[in-house]
Amino acid sequence: MSSLLPQLRQIRASAGSGKTYELTTSFLTHLSCAAEGAYDPFAGCRAGQSGPCGWPEILAVTFTNRAAAEMQERIIGRLKDTALGLDRCAPGWTREQARSWVNTILRRYGSLNVRTIDSLLHLIVRLTALELDLPPDFEPVFATDEAVAPLLDNLLEQSRQEPHLRELLEEACRNVFFHSPRPGFLAGGVLRERVMELLMPVMGRHDLGLARPADIAEELGVMVRALRDAAECLHHRIKEEKLSCSAHLLKALETCRTCHPSAMPPKSTMLRKSCLDDCLNKASKGKASPEAEKAFEAITGAVRRLEGEGALLRRALRVMPFVELAQELADQLPDFLKHEGAIPAAFIPRLAHRVLSGDYGVPEAFCRLGTSLTHILVDEFQDTSREQWRAIHPLVLEALSRGGSLTWVGDVKQAIYGWRGGDATLFDEVCCDGELCAVAPSPRIDTLPTNWRSCRAIVETNNALFRQLSDPATARAVLAAMLPRDTPPDLLERLLAEQGGLLQEGFKGAEQQLAPGKGEGYVHLRRVYGDRSDDLDQEIRRELLDCVDAVGQRRSWGDITVLVRSNGRAAQVAGWLMEEGIPVVTDNSFLLAEHPLVEQLTALLTFLDSPRDDLAFWTFLSGRQMLLPLIGLTPQRLEDWAVARRTSERRHLPLFMAFREDFPDIWKTWIAPFHADAGLLTPYDLTREALARLRLRERYPAEAAFLSRFLEIIHMAEGQGCTSLSSFLEHWNRHGQQEKAPMPEALDAVRVMTMHKSKGLQFPVVIVPWHHFSPRVDNPAVEAHVNGLTILTERCPACGLEHYKAIADTARESLHLLYVAWTRAEEELHAFLTETPNSRNTPGLGHGLDILLDALSMSGDEWESGTPPLVKAAGRSAPPRKDVLPALFADAVASDDAAWRPMHWLPRLRIFRNPLEDFSFTRKRRGIFAHHCLECLQTLGQLTGHPEEDARRAFRQGLRTFPLPVHDPQAVEEEVVDMLAWYASLPEAETWLRHGTPEQEIVDASGALYRADLVVNDGEKITVVEYKTGTPTVAHQTQLRGYMDLLATASALPVQGVLVYLDLKRLERFSP
């Protein structure tokens, strides 16, 4: 039963040891002691607590949403099994107690407190949004680039007007051209990436006072001048003392005296000798004076400083233009995010820490949550970041102070998310946390010793390999083999002591016991060689296909999983398997954007939004899955028609017009109804009608998941305001590339996935084709100090310990990744030990693995353990279902009412979704369109100083996004552009557009809602702007003064009003 005293409990859980089972058992143990009473919404606001805790006070924190859902299912499942008296009963529970709790939890399922750590922190921040000066309805954005990109666009636009920003931008572009390893002359993408990479480091060091570029350049100049002076001094001494020295030394000295600063110091080994005597010829050995030796020491010291601190300064100078742009971005970011209502998810832990670290932070957070927290259980703790732990630390401390507990489960051997901020050292640091141990001394440490997943051969092989790393000597040897050979000896020894200790501690207790009743299993290791990477890939292809085919003879395809390091490798393997006709599924197999039906539906929507888009029309027309089988044209005939059109006098005619003339019946039956009503339908209705008209669900029943998911995305986009075709297509182009259809649970196909994605999963057969990858080390901006200057510079060998420690961290993570990959298998493990001449000379995982493989006595190129299980192969999957009788559906549609139109049933229901009775371009609609273009003028950003150019941009944007047709746009353009150009030329326009809020809602004392065209608050006064077309009336003045009175009541700032008559090009100003 749950202890009444505060308790810290660490659970060490190796692969397949049942950590989720143990965590569920711990949760149920706490639940059995919890109060089952009625829900108290004020439980979190109580000053103290007597009696048992409420069951919502038990919090289980997982790493992913999938893990949270799995744990919820297991909790309910264990309770149901106990209530029914089945095998997997919860220990210490009676059937009656379990039955009662199942009823309680299902009635209040939302109070079952199992969530991800991100969702917990997000909830805390949302509940305190106003105190953090955030909008309560803010949306977290998991791609920081996506959230901040509009602000960066605005900043780049500002550079047109601000010389300082323009200079920074020019310097950054020069940096991209001359120092970026990427080919090409387009700097935009690289520039954006660099600025976004630096944004978080800059925000974290905003108050440190980074050195200015001029100061960095000056310090670098001092170092260069010191080297020149030292070279002059040594050259003078050699000449004066008539010393005979190596020609290489004289050449190096001449280079130091005359070459460009960027080429210094020269790479001559002479300047890296230990003394001058080593550089002298035999005739002058031992004849150099102490002054000459001192001059040589001075030049070697100057070289070392320029190679060390100088290299940091040079890299800092290359980074500084991006740093300064990131600083400009960081200055504007808080106001921008507040205005946009979007918060990068990376900021959430910091904000949550601000909330919880105050004097009343945790109690107030409990009150807002509606419950306190007494027992906290954290899964996959080795992947928790320091920021996340720092944020929840006050919650843990408060829970312990209330007599609660913290249980954290993890396995340092499976810590593979260091690149995402995970810090595996936290797993053991919690046991030594002074604050926590002061409340709950003597933490309890439990180890789960049994592997319940794998068969004997797999468990024994992994035991033989990975238990060696618990030996300090072996851990040091493996790590040394994976580190760069140019690691300085002093740093190497320190790294082997620190990082080798972490490696040894992480794999302590790696040996596991075999679960009772497990079969023999099978492990097959094979060495694969290649002279080059391409040759090796061809060898792997052959071996992999042979292996998959051999396993496939005795098992179903769905039993086989291939694990690789990257998505690129996954696509490569999937291509190999598909070429051989083997069914395969990858993470990208269910991407909507790559599905032919979704691609052709998107092309249809794009064509309807912009009929002159020939590429979109051709994609829709020629799509062999959707329209082409229905219209009676062969692909060859359609292509011949398109080629003939390009050689005719109609080659400048839009493609759809030419098709309409040449194939009027097809146009009228299949395309014209959508083309005519496109402006009157939402994207969802239009897509749904297309699915029904083309009978796609009936023709492709196997693709229903893709079509339903696409409709779901359109519906959600409309909920976010994307109600027009153009706005949805913009949303789709920005976000649609990552959208996926749900993966079927039972799919008889070989799975190909990355090792990272496989974590937490298990498969009957695992094949690992590549093992020679090197540790991947990024070069992020790091803080450095040079002679009193604080700089941000790229991590490099000159950073010393920090650089090589990062390499050692990734080397340890590579071993963790190997452990994850080799422990996923239940019955069979096949691994190809890959090698090329280049990999033999490059430190990497292969060198460390070779040391570990000595324990297996692998003398030749193959090693086996166990016997391949003889499992009866399932029936092979049928090929994907093709179009079902397209001619039959074509005839059925053709026989329908010839007057069919999308949403033809609406009039019978008397639902009017758009103002159909006002279809013509009336004066009222003309005014609405003018207002819409004025909003576009504001959303396009800062005025350029060219009113007519700004006006035409706004008109084109307005024409594209206006939800209803605009007849005779050429005539309307001249009229509206003239209005907008006059407005953009007004002295007040720039201030209004910069500080104004369009369509500002105003609520009076009775709750009535009003909406002003534009409300401008520049900090000194409030200006209400109303746009009018036509002639002035008294009603205009009455409306404006009503808005002014409401704002004057609500604000202490003076209020003024302006009527803008666009037709008359006249302003009328009003004071209170």
Foldseek 3Di string as FASTA:
>chain_A
DDDLAAAEEEEAEAPQLCPLVVLLLVLVVLVLQADLDDADLQALQDPADDGHFHSLQAAEAEADPVSLVVSLVVNLVQLVCQLVVHDSHRPPDHNVRSVSVNVSCVVVVVSNHYYHLLVVLVVLCLLCVVVVLAPSQFAADQDVLVLLVVVLVQLVVCVLPDVVSVVLVVLLLVLCVPPNPDDDNDCVVVLSVLLVLCLVVCVVCVPVDFDDLVVLVVVLVVLLVLLLVLLVQLVVQCVVLVFAFDPLSVVQSVCSNDPDSVCPNPPGCCLVDPFVLVGGDPVCRPPRDPSNRVSSVSNSVSRVCCVFVVVQSVQLSSSVSSSVSSSVSNVCVVVSCRVVSYHHSVCSLVSLLVQQVDPCRQSVSSSSVSHAHQEYEYEALQQDAPSSCSNCVSSQLVNSQSSGYYYYYHANLQHQCVVVRGHNVVSVVVLVDPSSCVSHPDHHYHYSFANPFAADVLLVVQLLQLLLLLDLVLLLVLLVLQFDPPFPPVLSVVCSVVLSVVSNVRSVSVRHDYDPPGHFFKEKEFAAEDQDPVRSVVRLLVVVVVVLVVVLQQAFQQQEEEAEADPVVLVVNCVSCVVVVFFEDELCPFQLCPDLVSVLLLLLLVCLLPVLPQVSVCSNCLRPAFHVLQPPDDSVRVVVVLVVCCVDPCVVPRPVVVCCVVPVVCCLQQPVQCNVCQLPAFSLLSLVLSCVLRVNCVFAVVCVQSSVQVSVLSVVVVVVVQGHSVSVSVVCVVPRRNDGGDDDPDDRGYYYYYLVVCFPAAGAEYEYSEFLDRQDAAFRWDWDADPRRIGTGTDDCSVPSVNSSRRSVSQSSSSSSVSSRSSRHHRYYYYYLYDHPVSVVRRHRSSSSVSSCVSVVPPDRMDMGGDRDRHHYDDHDDPRDGGDPSNVSSVVSVPPDSPDHRPPCCVVVPDRSDPPVPQACDPVNLVVLLLQLLVLLLVVHADPQQLLVSLLVSNVVSCSPPSHHDPPVVVSSVLSSQLRSLLCPDPCNRQQSVQKDAQDWFAAPVGDIDTFGIWGCPPAAIEGEHEDEDDDDVVVVVVFVVVLVRVVVVDVHFYKYWYQYSNVRDIDIGGD
